[in-house]
Amino acid sequence: MNELALFNRLFDGGDFFVKPFEAAVPSVDVKEKKDAYVLDMDLPGKTENDVELSLKDDVLTIASRTEEVKEEKSDEQDADKGAWLIRERRTSGFTRRFSLPQDVNADAVNATFKNGVLTVVMPRKPVAEPKKIAITVA
């Protein structure tokens, strides 16, 4: 195969667009329990090192960014002379933000990662009882 044959795949209906569309935003399930909210996010192929969680101003942010490099052909020439014929890079990532209810105890939020599923547990604060105010006669 010569070098120009590699470029023909772009125009002749080759395998350029064969890969199925991948969803940019992962699926999320959120449960409300008596003592906590539980968020499960499907992240197949990712590890705990690929995901970043942050919590600020009652907003939970879950983000990930990965880059994949596919090399078709390369010669051992000087980089200034240009040896690459095709070098594809695919960057994928997502950011999801969730506004948390006021009864979430932000100091006790924790996350676990197992079998491609991120689980975030957000414990609830106890509900404050109304304070009774005594009335005095003036």
C-alpha atoms as a PDB file:
ATOM      1  CA  MET A   1       0.000   0.000   0.000  1.00  0.00           C
ATOM      2  CA  ASN A   2       1.409   3.374  -0.938  1.00  0.00           C
ATOM      3  CA  GLU A   3       1.052   6.578   1.038  1.00  0.00           C
ATOM      4  CA  LEU A   4      -1.765   7.987  -1.119  1.00  0.00           C
ATOM      5  CA  ALA A   5      -3.879   4.874  -0.558  1.00  0.00           C
ATOM      6  CA  LEU A   6      -4.137   5.864   3.093  1.00  0.00           C
ATOM      7  CA  PHE A   7      -5.821   9.121   2.134  1.00  0.00           C
ATOM      8  CA  ASN A   8      -8.242   7.434  -0.278  1.00  0.00           C
ATOM      9  CA  ARG A   9     -10.191   6.010   2.672  1.00  0.00           C
ATOM     10  CA  LEU A  10     -11.423   9.530   3.365  1.00  0.00           C
ATOM     11  CA  PHE A  11     -13.199   9.711   0.020  1.00  0.00           C
ATOM     12  CA  ASP A  12     -14.092   6.192  -1.105  1.00  0.00           C
ATOM     13  CA  GLY A  13     -16.487   5.176   1.673  1.00  0.00           C
ATOM     14  CA  GLY A  14     -13.827   3.209   3.509  1.00  0.00           C
ATOM     15  CA  ASP A  15     -13.756   2.736   7.269  1.00  0.00           C
ATOM     16  CA  PHE A  16     -13.419   6.431   8.103  1.00  0.00           C
ATOM     17  CA  PHE A  17     -16.926   6.848   9.605  1.00  0.00           C
ATOM     18  CA  VAL A  18     -17.608   3.233  10.571  1.00  0.00           C
ATOM     19  CA  LYS A  19     -17.269   3.678  14.329  1.00  0.00           C
ATOM     20  CA  PRO A  20     -20.644   4.133  16.011  1.00  0.00           C
ATOM     21  CA  PHE A  21     -21.446   7.459  17.624  1.00  0.00           C
ATOM     22  CA  GLU A  22     -20.387   7.563  21.238  1.00  0.00           C
ATOM     23  CA  ALA A  23     -22.474   9.529  23.706  1.00  0.00           C
ATOM     24  CA  ALA A  24     -20.503  12.467  25.056  1.00  0.00           C
ATOM     25  CA  VAL A  25     -22.401  12.499  28.345  1.00  0.00           C
ATOM     26  CA  PRO A  26     -22.535   9.380  30.517  1.00  0.00           C
ATOM     27  CA  SER A  27     -25.766   8.020  31.973  1.00  0.00           C
ATOM     28  CA  VAL A  28     -26.686   8.995  35.523  1.00  0.00           C
ATOM     29  CA  ASP A  29     -29.163   7.593  38.044  1.00  0.00           C
ATOM     30  CA  VAL A  30     -29.996   9.525  41.215  1.00  0.00           C
ATOM     31  CA  LYS A  31     -31.875   7.961  44.145  1.00  0.00           C
ATOM     32  CA  GLU A  32     -33.361   9.739  47.121  1.00  0.00           C
ATOM     33  CA  LYS A  33     -33.103   7.748  50.333  1.00  0.00           C
ATOM     34  CA  LYS A  34     -34.188   8.635  53.835  1.00  0.00           C
ATOM     35  CA  ASP A  35     -30.665   9.573  54.936  1.00  0.00           C
ATOM     36  CA  ALA A  36     -28.852  10.336  51.650  1.00  0.00           C
ATOM     37  CA  TYR A  37     -28.965  10.993  47.918  1.00  0.00           C
ATOM     38  CA  VAL A  38     -27.065   8.447  45.823  1.00  0.00           C
ATOM     39  CA  LEU A  39     -25.772   9.225  42.330  1.00  0.00           C
ATOM     40  CA  ASP A  40     -24.561   6.388  40.061  1.00  0.00           C
ATOM     41  CA  MET A  41     -22.744   7.296  36.825  1.00  0.00           C
ATOM     42  CA  ASP A  42     -21.801   4.693  34.208  1.00  0.00           C
ATOM     43  CA  LEU A  43     -18.198   5.216  33.069  1.00  0.00           C
ATOM     44  CA  PRO A  44     -17.179   2.107  31.121  1.00  0.00           C
ATOM     45  CA  GLY A  45     -13.508   1.958  30.239  1.00  0.00           C
ATOM     46  CA  LYS A  46     -12.578   4.656  32.749  1.00  0.00           C
ATOM     47  CA  THR A  47     -10.788   4.378  36.086  1.00  0.00           C
ATOM     48  CA  GLU A  48     -10.943   6.512  39.200  1.00  0.00           C
ATOM     49  CA  ASN A  49      -7.865   8.367  37.901  1.00  0.00           C
ATOM     50  CA  ASP A  50      -9.785   9.497  34.785  1.00  0.00           C
ATOM     51  CA  VAL A  51     -12.526  11.265  36.749  1.00  0.00           C
ATOM     52  CA  GLU A  52     -12.466  14.521  38.713  1.00  0.00           C
ATOM     53  CA  LEU A  53     -15.106  15.485  41.288  1.00  0.00           C
ATOM     54  CA  SER A  54     -15.530  18.859  42.934  1.00  0.00           C
ATOM     55  CA  LEU A  55     -18.148  20.483  45.128  1.00  0.00           C
ATOM     56  CA  LYS A  56     -18.530  24.243  45.371  1.00  0.00           C
ATOM     57  CA  ASP A  57     -21.517  26.424  46.284  1.00  0.00           C
ATOM     58  CA  ASP A  58     -23.874  23.412  46.398  1.00  0.00           C
ATOM     59  CA  VAL A  59     -22.908  22.368  42.840  1.00  0.00           C
ATOM     60  CA  LEU A  60     -21.373  18.924  42.305  1.00  0.00           C
ATOM     61  CA  THR A  61     -19.169  18.791  39.192  1.00  0.00           C
ATOM     62  CA  ILE A  62     -18.059  15.517  37.625  1.00  0.00           C
ATOM     63  CA  ALA A  63     -15.597  15.784  34.736  1.00  0.00           C
ATOM     64  CA  SER A  64     -13.317  13.599  32.648  1.00  0.00           C
ATOM     65  CA  ARG A  65     -11.010  14.181  29.684  1.00  0.00           C
ATOM     66  CA  THR A  66      -8.974  11.574  27.819  1.00  0.00           C
ATOM     67  CA  GLU A  67      -6.863  11.704  24.670  1.00  0.00           C
ATOM     68  CA  GLU A  68      -6.165   8.758  22.393  1.00  0.00           C
ATOM     69  CA  VAL A  69      -3.473   8.835  19.707  1.00  0.00           C
ATOM     70  CA  LYS A  70      -3.630   6.452  16.742  1.00  0.00           C
ATOM     71  CA  GLU A  71      -0.478   6.204  14.634  1.00  0.00           C
ATOM     72  CA  GLU A  72      -0.766   4.773  11.122  1.00  0.00           C
ATOM     73  CA  LYS A  73       2.760   5.195   9.750  1.00  0.00           C
ATOM     74  CA  SER A  74       5.957   6.799  10.912  1.00  0.00           C
ATOM     75  CA  ASP A  75       9.527   6.883   9.674  1.00  0.00           C
ATOM     76  CA  GLU A  76      12.501   7.386  11.925  1.00  0.00           C
ATOM     77  CA  GLN A  77      13.292  10.786  10.390  1.00  0.00           C
ATOM     78  CA  ASP A  78      13.962  14.097  12.023  1.00  0.00           C
ATOM     79  CA  ALA A  79      10.711  15.730  13.211  1.00  0.00           C
ATOM     80  CA  ASP A  80      11.618  18.943  11.319  1.00  0.00           C
ATOM     81  CA  LYS A  81      11.511  17.051   7.993  1.00  0.00           C
ATOM     82  CA  GLY A  82       8.025  15.693   8.698  1.00  0.00           C
ATOM     83  CA  ALA A  83       7.625  11.917   8.594  1.00  0.00           C
ATOM     84  CA  TRP A  84       3.949  11.462   9.608  1.00  0.00           C
ATOM     85  CA  LEU A  85       1.442  10.555   6.943  1.00  0.00           C
ATOM     86  CA  ILE A  86      -1.508  10.023   9.288  1.00  0.00           C
ATOM     87  CA  ARG A  87      -1.580  10.634  13.013  1.00  0.00           C
ATOM     88  CA  GLU A  88      -5.079  10.830  14.414  1.00  0.00           C
ATOM     89  CA  ARG A  89      -5.881  12.136  17.860  1.00  0.00           C
ATOM     90  CA  ARG A  90      -9.213  11.697  19.508  1.00  0.00           C
ATOM     91  CA  THR A  91     -10.074  13.702  22.551  1.00  0.00           C
ATOM     92  CA  SER A  92     -13.162  12.863  24.512  1.00  0.00           C
ATOM     93  CA  GLY A  93     -14.503  14.304  27.664  1.00  0.00           C
ATOM     94  CA  PHE A  94     -17.518  15.480  29.531  1.00  0.00           C
ATOM     95  CA  THR A  95     -18.530  17.756  32.361  1.00  0.00           C
ATOM     96  CA  ARG A  96     -21.744  17.288  34.326  1.00  0.00           C
ATOM     97  CA  ARG A  97     -22.949  19.674  37.009  1.00  0.00           C
ATOM     98  CA  PHE A  98     -25.645  18.941  39.568  1.00  0.00           C
ATOM     99  CA  SER A  99     -27.261  21.541  41.831  1.00  0.00           C
ATOM    100  CA  LEU A 100     -27.608  19.853  45.186  1.00  0.00           C
ATOM    101  CA  PRO A 101     -30.578  20.254  47.510  1.00  0.00           C
ATOM    102  CA  GLN A 102     -30.063  22.416  50.575  1.00  0.00           C
ATOM    103  CA  ASP A 103     -30.303  19.439  52.906  1.00  0.00           C
ATOM    104  CA  VAL A 104     -27.064  17.834  51.605  1.00  0.00           C
ATOM    105  CA  ASN A 105     -24.242  17.692  54.140  1.00  0.00           C
ATOM    106  CA  ALA A 106     -21.427  18.884  51.826  1.00  0.00           C
ATOM    107  CA  ASP A 107     -18.718  17.944  54.349  1.00  0.00           C
ATOM    108  CA  ALA A 108     -19.750  14.278  54.309  1.00  0.00           C
ATOM    109  CA  VAL A 109     -20.045  13.660  50.538  1.00  0.00           C
ATOM    110  CA  ASN A 110     -18.001  10.630  49.426  1.00  0.00           C
ATOM    111  CA  ALA A 111     -17.400   8.745  46.188  1.00  0.00           C
ATOM    112  CA  THR A 112     -16.425   5.199  45.210  1.00  0.00           C
ATOM    113  CA  PHE A 113     -15.539   3.658  41.858  1.00  0.00           C
ATOM    114  CA  LYS A 114     -16.187  -0.009  41.082  1.00  0.00           C
ATOM    115  CA  ASN A 115     -16.564  -1.938  37.812  1.00  0.00           C
ATOM    116  CA  GLY A 116     -16.931   1.199  35.691  1.00  0.00           C
ATOM    117  CA  VAL A 117     -19.576   2.794  37.917  1.00  0.00           C
ATOM    118  CA  LEU A 118     -18.941   5.945  39.937  1.00  0.00           C
ATOM    119  CA  THR A 119     -21.128   6.141  43.044  1.00  0.00           C
ATOM    120  CA  VAL A 120     -21.432   9.435  44.919  1.00  0.00           C
ATOM    121  CA  VAL A 121     -23.196   9.348  48.298  1.00  0.00           C
ATOM    122  CA  MET A 122     -24.469  12.696  49.562  1.00  0.00           C
ATOM    123  CA  PRO A 123     -25.696  12.369  53.159  1.00  0.00           C
ATOM    124  CA  ARG A 124     -28.631  14.518  54.215  1.00  0.00           C
ATOM    125  CA  LYS A 125     -28.567  16.938  57.126  1.00  0.00           C
ATOM    126  CA  PRO A 126     -31.160  16.440  59.837  1.00  0.00           C
ATOM    127  CA  VAL A 127     -34.205  18.596  59.242  1.00  0.00           C
ATOM    128  CA  ALA A 128     -34.237  21.524  61.644  1.00  0.00           C
ATOM    129  CA  GLU A 129     -37.317  21.634  63.822  1.00  0.00           C
ATOM    130  CA  PRO A 130     -39.106  24.985  64.004  1.00  0.00           C
ATOM    131  CA  LYS A 131     -37.986  26.987  66.992  1.00  0.00           C
ATOM    132  CA  LYS A 132     -40.755  28.074  69.296  1.00  0.00           C
ATOM    133  CA  ILE A 133     -40.457  31.686  70.408  1.00  0.00           C
ATOM    134  CA  ALA A 134     -41.974  32.713  73.701  1.00  0.00           C
ATOM    135  CA  ILE A 135     -44.028  35.897  73.784  1.00  0.00           C
ATOM    136  CA  THR A 136     -43.562  38.207  76.721  1.00  0.00           C
ATOM    137  CA  VAL A 137     -45.902  40.905  77.934  1.00  0.00           C
ATOM    138  CA  ALA A 138     -44.482  44.394  77.700  1.00  0.00           C
END
